[in-house]
Amino acid sequence: MSATSSAQAPAAPRNTRSRVILASLIGTTIEFYDFYVYATAAVLVFPHLFFPSENETTALLASFATFGAAMLARPIGAVFFGHLGDRLGRKTTLVASLLTMGIATFLIGVLPTHAMVGAWAAALLLLMRLTQGFAIGGEWSGAALVATENAPEGKRAWYGTFPQLGAPLGFIIANMLFFVINHVLADPAAPGQPSAAFLEWGWRIPFLFSAVMVIIGLWVRLKLVESKAFEQTKERGAVKRVPIAEAFKSHWRALILGTLAMLATYVLFYLMTSFTLTYGTRPGDAPVPGAGYTYNDFILMLVFGVVFFGIFTLVSGPLADRFGRRRTLLVVTAAIALFGLLFVPMLASGSTPMVMFFLALGFTLMGLTFGPMGAFLPEMFPTNIRYTGSAVSYNVSSILGAALAPIIAVWLWTLADGSPIYVGLYLTGAALVTFVSLLLTKETKSVDFEE
């Protein structure tokens, strides 16, 4: 009896649920931690220490240019790590991408400034930022595949939200760490502004701290076992010699539609983080005025909003599993288009409760649009090019929707003499492009992941 029962019992999962969740979550948490640390430093530190200029806006734009430069390296990383992931396996590739990203982030924390080495400081910062982008190009897709290829039947979108949850977690860890350091090193003579100690050495701590997170991430990922879907692809001899060539030859439509489907998500993401931080902390009497909050006050407001990001990222998974990825994303994208019209009456209202409601609403939409992408993009491609296809779509979209977003937003902001009206219309336009691309896609909920 026991032998018969044992034979009929379902096979144990190749990776336990806790291992899948932690392995997919830890990498993207580190990825977005690194992003937010750099984004915060790009506003507070780098314009002063790496791009000194008599014109404050010029220094800020130069800093944001290096911020966006990483997005240019991400598609290259997507092709490189996608190739490794589709040929050698997800586990090896995830370890390599995480290690590369961790080293680059740590090295930013020990870079010399412009006062020490002149223009070499900006060049070295750019090099490290490009290395970060190269590594991130392979990180997200691998994490999403670990989650979705190990998901139980009917719960793929739910499992796909766990790597997405790394975005709000990374934000909270990074910005609270900056908040504490800035508070401890605050200068009583200049409340709300970065102190001399913060600009001299305090800003380096968050970059150096990333080494601890990377070590934990590597320990978790080294315990992973390859997914059943990938192993079956190898057994059938279906592994492609050049996955990127196959993706462009047979799945070019999915590449284009997947890229455009992520556009509104990326634009909203970067406007709600880097632009709102810039606008919120710019003095109201500056040549290009902002909301006039202190850095510490506005960071706490952002953290309040990001809590909604995390909650609704998880909420989006069951919704997408029940109603489908396409239908869920169409409704949320329409809401994002309307949200773009609220930048002036809410963000520029001068009312703190209204600004906080704006942040909560924007980050709620962010969670609802970002969560389903963890399943939606991988489901658009077969197993033998899934890593490459989803990585390329995700990261090419980062150029269109992320690399340009901070620069375009600052330009539109200055063009309107401090009003964010054009910034909001920019978001609405991106949402309309995404909405059309979603109309042209098919529902992927029932795709067989073992093909």
Protein backbone atom coordinates (compact mmCIF):
# COMPACT_ATOMS: atom_id res chain seq x y z
CA MET A 1 0.00 0.00 0.00
CA SER A 2 2.73 2.42 0.93
CA ALA A 3 4.59 1.70 -2.31
CA THR A 4 1.44 2.29 -4.34
CA SER A 5 0.62 5.50 -2.50
CA SER A 6 4.15 6.70 -2.97
CA ALA A 7 4.02 6.00 -6.68
CA GLN A 8 0.80 7.93 -7.08
CA ALA A 9 1.88 10.92 -4.96
CA PRO A 10 2.70 14.04 -6.95
CA ALA A 11 6.37 14.71 -7.43
CA ALA A 12 7.89 17.23 -5.05
CA PRO A 13 8.57 20.63 -6.64
CA ARG A 14 12.10 21.09 -7.94
CA ASN A 15 12.38 24.24 -5.84
CA THR A 16 10.40 24.89 -2.68
CA ARG A 17 7.96 27.80 -2.67
CA SER A 18 10.00 29.74 -0.14
CA ARG A 19 13.19 29.27 -2.17
CA VAL A 20 11.48 30.43 -5.38
CA ILE A 21 9.97 33.49 -3.73
CA LEU A 22 13.19 34.49 -1.97
CA ALA A 23 15.44 33.87 -4.99
CA SER A 24 13.21 35.90 -7.31
CA LEU A 25 12.61 38.64 -4.74
CA ILE A 26 16.14 39.18 -3.44
CA GLY A 27 17.70 40.00 -6.82
CA THR A 28 15.11 42.55 -7.89
CA THR A 29 15.16 44.09 -4.41
CA ILE A 30 18.90 44.65 -4.81
CA GLU A 31 18.38 45.85 -8.39
CA PHE A 32 15.86 48.49 -7.37
CA TYR A 33 17.78 49.33 -4.21
CA ASP A 34 20.74 50.18 -6.45
CA PHE A 35 18.45 52.17 -8.75
CA TYR A 36 16.95 54.24 -5.92
CA VAL A 37 20.31 54.83 -4.27
CA TYR A 38 21.65 56.14 -7.56
CA ALA A 39 18.47 58.14 -8.29
CA THR A 40 18.63 59.82 -4.88
CA ALA A 41 22.33 60.56 -5.23
CA ALA A 42 21.67 61.90 -8.76
CA VAL A 43 19.42 64.54 -7.19
CA LEU A 44 21.28 65.32 -3.96
CA VAL A 45 24.95 64.49 -4.47
CA PHE A 46 26.24 63.95 -7.99
CA PRO A 47 25.38 67.44 -9.35
CA HIS A 48 27.63 68.93 -6.63
CA LEU A 49 30.46 66.38 -6.51
CA PHE A 50 30.74 64.99 -10.03
CA PHE A 51 29.18 67.65 -12.30
CA PRO A 52 29.89 71.02 -10.63
CA SER A 53 28.41 73.93 -12.58
CA GLU A 54 27.32 77.50 -11.95
CA ASN A 55 23.96 76.58 -13.47
CA GLU A 56 22.01 74.31 -11.11
CA THR A 57 19.73 72.95 -13.83
CA THR A 58 22.70 72.11 -16.09
CA ALA A 59 24.36 70.14 -13.30
CA LEU A 60 21.11 68.29 -12.59
CA LEU A 61 20.61 67.41 -16.26
CA ALA A 62 24.21 66.13 -16.50
CA SER A 63 23.61 63.98 -13.43
CA PHE A 64 20.37 62.60 -14.88
CA ALA A 65 22.20 61.89 -18.15
CA THR A 66 24.46 59.35 -16.39
CA PHE A 67 21.37 58.03 -14.62
CA GLY A 68 19.74 57.41 -18.00
CA ALA A 69 22.93 56.08 -19.60
CA ALA A 70 22.48 52.81 -17.75
CA MET A 71 19.32 52.22 -19.76
CA LEU A 72 21.37 52.26 -22.97
CA ALA A 73 23.49 49.39 -21.63
CA ARG A 74 20.52 47.35 -20.48
CA PRO A 75 19.52 45.95 -23.92
CA ILE A 76 23.15 44.85 -24.43
CA GLY A 77 23.02 43.10 -21.08
CA ALA A 78 19.65 41.61 -22.03
CA VAL A 79 21.10 40.02 -25.16
CA PHE A 80 24.24 38.78 -23.33
CA PHE A 81 22.56 37.36 -20.24
CA GLY A 82 19.54 36.25 -22.25
CA HIS A 83 21.87 34.19 -24.43
CA LEU A 84 23.43 32.61 -21.34
CA GLY A 85 20.05 32.05 -19.70
CA ASP A 86 18.50 30.33 -22.73
CA ARG A 87 21.57 28.18 -23.40
CA LEU A 88 23.17 27.45 -20.01
CA GLY A 89 20.25 27.90 -17.65
CA ARG A 90 18.57 30.43 -15.41
CA LYS A 91 20.57 29.75 -12.22
CA THR A 92 24.07 30.37 -13.61
CA THR A 93 22.95 33.54 -15.36
CA LEU A 94 21.21 34.97 -12.32
CA VAL A 95 24.32 34.49 -10.19
CA ALA A 96 26.52 36.20 -12.81
CA SER A 97 24.21 39.20 -13.26
CA LEU A 98 23.81 39.76 -9.52
CA LEU A 99 27.57 39.59 -8.91
CA THR A 100 28.30 42.05 -11.73
CA MET A 101 25.73 44.52 -10.46
CA GLY A 102 26.92 44.27 -6.86
CA ILE A 103 30.55 44.96 -7.74
CA ALA A 104 29.65 48.02 -9.82
CA THR A 105 27.44 49.48 -7.09
CA PHE A 106 30.09 48.95 -4.41
CA LEU A 107 32.74 50.65 -6.56
CA ILE A 108 30.55 53.76 -6.95
CA GLY A 109 30.83 54.09 -3.19
CA VAL A 110 34.63 54.47 -3.38
CA LEU A 111 34.91 56.68 -6.48
CA PRO A 112 36.97 59.92 -6.33
CA THR A 113 35.06 63.16 -6.86
CA HIS A 114 35.59 66.02 -9.35
CA ALA A 115 37.62 67.91 -6.73
CA MET A 116 40.05 64.98 -6.56
CA VAL A 117 40.54 63.90 -10.19
CA GLY A 118 38.65 66.41 -12.31
CA ALA A 119 36.66 65.14 -15.30
CA TRP A 120 37.84 61.57 -14.64
CA ALA A 121 35.35 61.45 -11.78
CA ALA A 122 32.37 61.81 -14.14
CA ALA A 123 33.92 59.32 -16.58
CA LEU A 124 34.39 56.68 -13.87
CA LEU A 125 30.87 57.26 -12.58
CA LEU A 126 29.53 56.79 -16.11
CA LEU A 127 31.52 53.54 -16.50
CA MET A 128 30.12 52.11 -13.27
CA ARG A 129 26.62 53.20 -14.21
CA LEU A 130 26.93 51.47 -17.60
CA THR A 131 28.13 48.32 -15.84
CA GLN A 132 25.10 48.49 -13.54
CA GLY A 133 22.82 48.80 -16.55
CA PHE A 134 24.54 45.90 -18.32
CA ALA A 135 23.98 43.65 -15.29
CA ILE A 136 20.40 44.76 -14.71
CA GLY A 137 19.69 43.88 -18.35
CA GLY A 138 19.77 40.21 -17.37
CA GLU A 139 18.52 40.43 -13.79
CA TRP A 140 14.79 41.09 -14.08
CA SER A 141 13.99 38.51 -16.74
CA GLY A 142 15.86 35.77 -14.90
CA ALA A 143 14.09 36.56 -11.65
CA ALA A 144 10.70 36.59 -13.40
CA LEU A 145 11.44 33.21 -15.00
CA VAL A 146 12.49 31.68 -11.68
CA ALA A 147 9.12 32.73 -10.26
CA THR A 148 6.84 31.89 -13.19
CA GLU A 149 8.50 28.67 -14.41
CA ASN A 150 8.22 27.26 -10.88
CA ALA A 151 4.65 28.50 -10.25
CA PRO A 152 1.74 26.10 -9.58
CA GLU A 153 -0.96 25.87 -12.21
CA GLY A 154 -3.25 28.89 -12.26
CA LYS A 155 -0.97 31.02 -10.07
CA ARG A 156 1.65 32.19 -12.54
CA ALA A 157 0.72 35.89 -12.32
CA TRP A 158 0.61 35.66 -8.52
CA TYR A 159 4.12 34.16 -8.41
CA GLY A 160 5.22 36.70 -11.02
CA THR A 161 4.48 39.54 -8.60
CA PHE A 162 7.24 38.48 -6.19
CA PRO A 163 10.15 39.74 -8.33
CA GLN A 164 8.07 42.88 -8.93
CA LEU A 165 7.75 43.38 -5.17
CA GLY A 166 11.49 44.07 -5.15
CA ALA A 167 10.78 47.56 -6.51
CA PRO A 168 8.89 48.94 -3.49
CA LEU A 169 11.09 47.02 -1.04
CA GLY A 170 14.25 48.37 -2.66
CA PHE A 171 12.81 51.89 -2.54
CA ILE A 172 11.99 51.71 1.15
CA ILE A 173 15.37 50.24 2.14
CA ALA A 174 17.38 52.69 0.02
CA ASN A 175 15.51 55.85 0.91
CA MET A 176 15.12 55.11 4.60
CA LEU A 177 18.86 54.48 4.74
CA PHE A 178 19.49 57.83 3.03
CA PHE A 179 16.96 59.42 5.38
CA VAL A 180 18.72 58.13 8.50
CA ILE A 181 22.18 59.12 7.27
CA ASN A 182 21.01 62.57 6.21
CA HIS A 183 19.25 63.03 9.56
CA VAL A 184 22.25 61.93 11.64
CA LEU A 185 24.65 64.15 9.66
CA ALA A 186 22.25 67.11 9.38
CA ASP A 187 23.66 70.63 9.69
CA PRO A 188 21.51 72.70 12.12
CA ALA A 189 22.49 75.86 10.23
CA ALA A 190 20.97 74.53 6.98
CA PRO A 191 17.96 72.37 7.87
CA GLY A 192 16.65 70.17 5.11
CA GLN A 193 19.79 70.48 2.98
CA PRO A 194 22.62 67.90 2.62
CA SER A 195 25.34 68.69 5.14
CA ALA A 196 29.07 68.95 4.42
CA ALA A 197 29.64 65.58 6.13
CA PHE A 198 26.90 63.97 4.04
CA LEU A 199 28.42 65.32 0.81
CA GLU A 200 31.94 64.36 1.90
CA TRP A 201 31.41 60.74 2.93
CA GLY A 202 27.87 60.01 4.17
CA TRP A 203 26.45 59.45 0.68
CA ARG A 204 28.89 56.57 0.13
CA ILE A 205 27.39 54.34 2.85
CA PRO A 206 24.29 53.16 0.89
CA PHE A 207 26.48 52.13 -2.06
CA LEU A 208 28.88 50.20 0.17
CA PHE A 209 25.99 48.58 2.04
CA SER A 210 24.85 46.91 -1.19
CA ALA A 211 27.70 44.40 -0.76
CA VAL A 212 25.88 42.87 2.23
CA MET A 213 22.68 42.44 0.22
CA VAL A 214 24.54 40.89 -2.73
CA ILE A 215 26.20 38.28 -0.51
CA ILE A 216 22.78 37.25 0.84
CA GLY A 217 21.38 37.13 -2.68
CA LEU A 218 24.20 34.93 -3.98
CA TRP A 219 23.76 32.51 -1.08
CA VAL A 220 20.06 32.10 -1.89
CA ARG A 221 20.50 31.74 -5.63
CA LEU A 222 23.27 29.16 -5.44
CA LYS A 223 20.72 26.81 -3.83
CA LEU A 224 18.34 26.95 -6.82
CA VAL A 225 17.64 24.00 -9.12
CA GLU A 226 16.88 24.58 -12.81
CA SER A 227 13.19 24.74 -13.73
CA LYS A 228 11.40 21.75 -15.27
CA ALA A 229 10.50 23.82 -18.35
CA PHE A 230 14.15 24.58 -19.15
CA GLU A 231 15.32 21.02 -18.45
CA GLN A 232 12.66 19.62 -20.80
CA THR A 233 13.76 22.05 -23.50
CA LYS A 234 17.33 20.75 -23.17
CA GLU A 235 16.17 17.13 -23.25
CA ARG A 236 14.22 17.74 -26.48
CA GLY A 237 17.28 19.36 -28.06
CA ALA A 238 15.27 22.54 -28.60
CA VAL A 239 17.87 24.94 -27.16
CA LYS A 240 18.65 27.57 -29.79
CA ARG A 241 22.25 28.26 -30.72
CA VAL A 242 21.61 32.01 -31.08
CA PRO A 243 18.41 32.85 -29.14
CA ILE A 244 18.39 36.53 -30.12
CA ALA A 245 18.40 35.63 -33.82
CA GLU A 246 15.45 33.29 -33.32
CA ALA A 247 13.60 35.96 -31.34
CA PHE A 248 13.92 38.55 -34.12
CA LYS A 249 13.22 36.02 -36.87
CA SER A 250 10.10 34.32 -35.49
CA HIS A 251 8.86 36.52 -32.64
CA TRP A 252 9.56 40.09 -33.77
CA ARG A 253 5.91 41.08 -33.27
CA ALA A 254 6.01 39.94 -29.62
CA LEU A 255 9.25 41.88 -29.11
CA ILE A 256 7.70 45.11 -30.39
CA LEU A 257 4.39 44.74 -28.56
CA GLY A 258 6.11 43.66 -25.33
CA THR A 259 8.38 46.71 -25.50
CA LEU A 260 5.49 49.13 -26.00
CA ALA A 261 3.38 47.36 -23.36
CA MET A 262 6.00 48.33 -20.76
CA LEU A 263 6.24 51.98 -21.88
CA ALA A 264 3.60 53.50 -19.57
CA THR A 265 4.88 51.42 -16.65
CA TYR A 266 8.40 52.78 -17.06
CA VAL A 267 7.37 56.41 -17.56
CA LEU A 268 5.08 56.32 -14.52
CA PHE A 269 7.75 54.58 -12.46
CA TYR A 270 10.45 57.15 -13.13
CA LEU A 271 8.15 60.16 -12.84
CA MET A 272 6.80 58.98 -9.49
CA THR A 273 10.32 58.47 -8.09
CA SER A 274 13.05 60.64 -9.60
CA PHE A 275 10.91 63.52 -10.94
CA THR A 276 8.65 63.89 -7.90
CA LEU A 277 11.72 63.90 -5.64
CA THR A 278 13.28 66.65 -7.74
CA TYR A 279 10.09 68.69 -7.98
CA GLY A 280 9.09 68.15 -4.38
CA THR A 281 12.42 69.30 -2.90
CA ARG A 282 13.06 72.29 -5.22
CA PRO A 283 12.43 75.61 -3.36
CA GLY A 284 9.32 77.52 -4.35
CA ASP A 285 11.38 80.66 -5.03
CA ALA A 286 13.94 78.94 -7.29
CA PRO A 287 14.28 80.05 -10.95
CA VAL A 288 12.41 76.85 -11.83
CA PRO A 289 10.19 76.51 -8.74
CA GLY A 290 9.10 73.30 -7.08
CA ALA A 291 6.96 72.31 -4.12
CA GLY A 292 9.47 73.53 -1.52
CA TYR A 293 9.55 70.52 0.83
CA THR A 294 12.70 69.52 2.69
CA TYR A 295 14.36 66.33 1.54
CA ASN A 296 13.54 64.46 4.75
CA ASP A 297 9.88 65.49 4.70
CA PHE A 298 9.35 64.55 1.07
CA ILE A 299 11.14 61.20 1.43
CA LEU A 300 8.71 60.24 4.18
CA MET A 301 5.83 61.24 1.90
CA LEU A 302 7.27 59.08 -0.87
CA VAL A 303 7.70 56.11 1.47
CA PHE A 304 4.04 56.52 2.43
CA GLY A 305 3.12 56.31 -1.27
CA VAL A 306 5.41 53.33 -1.92
CA VAL A 307 3.57 51.29 0.71
CA PHE A 308 0.60 51.40 -1.69
CA PHE A 309 2.97 50.34 -4.49
CA GLY A 310 3.90 47.18 -2.58
CA ILE A 311 0.33 46.33 -1.53
CA PHE A 312 -1.15 46.71 -5.01
CA THR A 313 1.72 44.87 -6.67
CA LEU A 314 0.61 41.81 -4.72
CA VAL A 315 -3.09 42.56 -5.34
CA SER A 316 -2.48 42.66 -9.09
CA GLY A 317 -1.36 39.01 -9.27
CA PRO A 318 -4.66 37.37 -8.27
CA LEU A 319 -6.53 39.90 -10.43
CA ALA A 320 -4.44 38.98 -13.48
CA ASP A 321 -4.83 35.26 -12.77
CA ARG A 322 -8.61 35.63 -12.55
CA PHE A 323 -9.42 38.18 -15.26
CA GLY A 324 -6.39 37.75 -17.52
CA ARG A 325 -3.22 39.82 -17.98
CA ARG A 326 -4.43 41.79 -21.01
CA ARG A 327 -7.80 42.86 -19.56
CA THR A 328 -6.25 43.86 -16.23
CA LEU A 329 -3.52 45.91 -17.90
CA LEU A 330 -5.95 47.64 -20.28
CA VAL A 331 -8.05 48.93 -17.38
CA VAL A 332 -5.02 50.08 -15.39
CA THR A 333 -3.39 51.75 -18.41
CA ALA A 334 -6.57 53.74 -19.09
CA ALA A 335 -6.46 54.90 -15.47
CA ILE A 336 -2.79 55.96 -15.88
CA ALA A 337 -3.75 58.08 -18.90
CA LEU A 338 -6.32 59.91 -16.76
CA PHE A 339 -3.86 60.20 -13.88
CA GLY A 340 -1.49 62.18 -16.10
CA LEU A 341 -4.07 64.99 -16.14
CA LEU A 342 -3.85 65.35 -12.33
CA PHE A 343 -0.24 66.58 -12.07
CA VAL A 344 -1.21 70.25 -11.82
CA PRO A 345 -4.37 70.11 -9.67
CA MET A 346 -2.78 67.61 -7.24
CA LEU A 347 1.05 67.61 -7.31
CA ALA A 348 1.24 71.40 -7.73
CA SER A 349 -1.70 72.13 -5.41
CA GLY A 350 0.43 73.38 -2.51
CA SER A 351 -1.62 71.18 -0.16
CA THR A 352 0.31 68.46 1.66
CA PRO A 353 -2.73 66.12 2.03
CA MET A 354 -3.43 66.53 -1.70
CA VAL A 355 0.19 65.80 -2.64
CA MET A 356 0.18 62.71 -0.42
CA PHE A 357 -3.06 61.54 -2.04
CA PHE A 358 -1.43 62.12 -5.44
CA LEU A 359 1.56 59.96 -4.42
CA ALA A 360 -0.65 57.21 -3.01
CA LEU A 361 -2.79 57.15 -6.17
CA GLY A 362 0.21 57.15 -8.51
CA PHE A 363 1.98 54.36 -6.66
CA THR A 364 -1.24 52.33 -6.49
CA LEU A 365 -1.44 52.46 -10.29
CA MET A 366 2.25 51.63 -10.41
CA GLY A 367 1.69 48.42 -8.46
CA LEU A 368 -1.31 47.43 -10.57
CA THR A 369 0.55 47.88 -13.87
CA PHE A 370 3.96 46.58 -12.76
CA GLY A 371 2.77 43.42 -10.99
CA PRO A 372 1.27 41.54 -13.98
CA MET A 373 4.35 42.23 -16.15
CA GLY A 374 6.26 39.52 -14.25
CA ALA A 375 4.07 36.92 -15.97
CA PHE A 376 2.86 38.79 -19.06
CA LEU A 377 6.22 39.38 -20.77
CA PRO A 378 7.66 35.85 -20.22
CA GLU A 379 4.37 34.33 -21.44
CA MET A 380 4.79 36.07 -24.80
CA PHE A 381 7.77 33.82 -25.71
CA PRO A 382 8.45 30.05 -25.88
CA THR A 383 10.81 28.45 -23.36
CA ASN A 384 13.86 28.27 -25.63
CA ILE A 385 13.97 32.06 -26.14
CA ARG A 386 11.94 33.17 -23.10
CA TYR A 387 14.87 34.66 -21.20
CA THR A 388 16.11 36.57 -24.25
CA GLY A 389 12.71 37.70 -25.53
CA SER A 390 11.36 38.99 -22.22
CA ALA A 391 14.70 40.59 -21.31
CA VAL A 392 14.99 42.45 -24.61
CA SER A 393 11.40 43.74 -24.47
CA TYR A 394 11.74 44.82 -20.86
CA ASN A 395 15.07 46.57 -21.37
CA VAL A 396 14.52 48.20 -24.77
CA SER A 397 11.44 49.72 -23.19
CA SER A 398 13.72 51.08 -20.48
CA ILE A 399 15.37 53.29 -23.11
CA LEU A 400 12.07 54.61 -24.47
CA GLY A 401 10.33 54.94 -21.13
CA ALA A 402 13.08 55.31 -18.54
CA ALA A 403 16.36 56.61 -19.93
CA LEU A 404 14.60 59.60 -21.46
CA ALA A 405 11.93 60.14 -18.78
CA PRO A 406 13.97 62.11 -16.20
CA ILE A 407 15.57 64.31 -18.85
CA ILE A 408 12.31 64.93 -20.74
CA ALA A 409 10.48 65.62 -17.47
CA VAL A 410 13.02 68.22 -16.31
CA TRP A 411 12.98 69.85 -19.76
CA LEU A 412 9.16 69.99 -19.83
CA TRP A 413 9.15 71.30 -16.28
CA THR A 414 11.50 74.17 -17.16
CA LEU A 415 9.60 74.79 -20.41
CA ALA A 416 6.44 75.45 -18.38
CA ASP A 417 8.30 77.73 -15.91
CA GLY A 418 7.97 75.31 -13.01
CA SER A 419 4.52 73.88 -13.77
CA PRO A 420 4.33 70.07 -14.13
CA ILE A 421 1.46 70.29 -16.64
CA TYR A 422 3.51 69.07 -19.62
CA VAL A 423 5.04 66.31 -17.51
CA GLY A 424 1.57 64.96 -16.82
CA LEU A 425 0.61 65.14 -20.50
CA TYR A 426 3.82 63.25 -21.32
CA LEU A 427 2.63 60.40 -19.04
CA THR A 428 -0.81 60.45 -20.67
CA GLY A 429 0.77 60.15 -24.12
CA ALA A 430 2.90 57.18 -23.04
CA ALA A 431 -0.19 55.48 -21.57
CA LEU A 432 -2.08 55.85 -24.85
CA VAL A 433 0.77 54.18 -26.75
CA THR A 434 0.76 51.29 -24.28
CA PHE A 435 -3.03 51.00 -24.47
CA VAL A 436 -2.91 50.55 -28.25
CA SER A 437 -0.14 47.95 -28.00
CA LEU A 438 -2.19 45.96 -25.47
CA LEU A 439 -5.17 46.01 -27.82
CA LEU A 440 -2.95 44.35 -30.44
CA THR A 441 -1.74 41.56 -28.12
CA LYS A 442 -3.45 38.27 -27.30
CA GLU A 443 -4.29 37.03 -23.82
CA THR A 444 -1.40 34.91 -22.45
CA LYS A 445 -3.05 33.50 -19.33
CA SER A 446 -3.39 29.96 -20.73
CA VAL A 447 0.00 29.69 -22.46
CA ASP A 448 1.73 26.33 -21.89
CA PHE A 449 5.07 27.16 -20.23
CA GLU A 450 6.61 23.82 -21.17
CA GLU A 451 6.59 24.51 -24.91
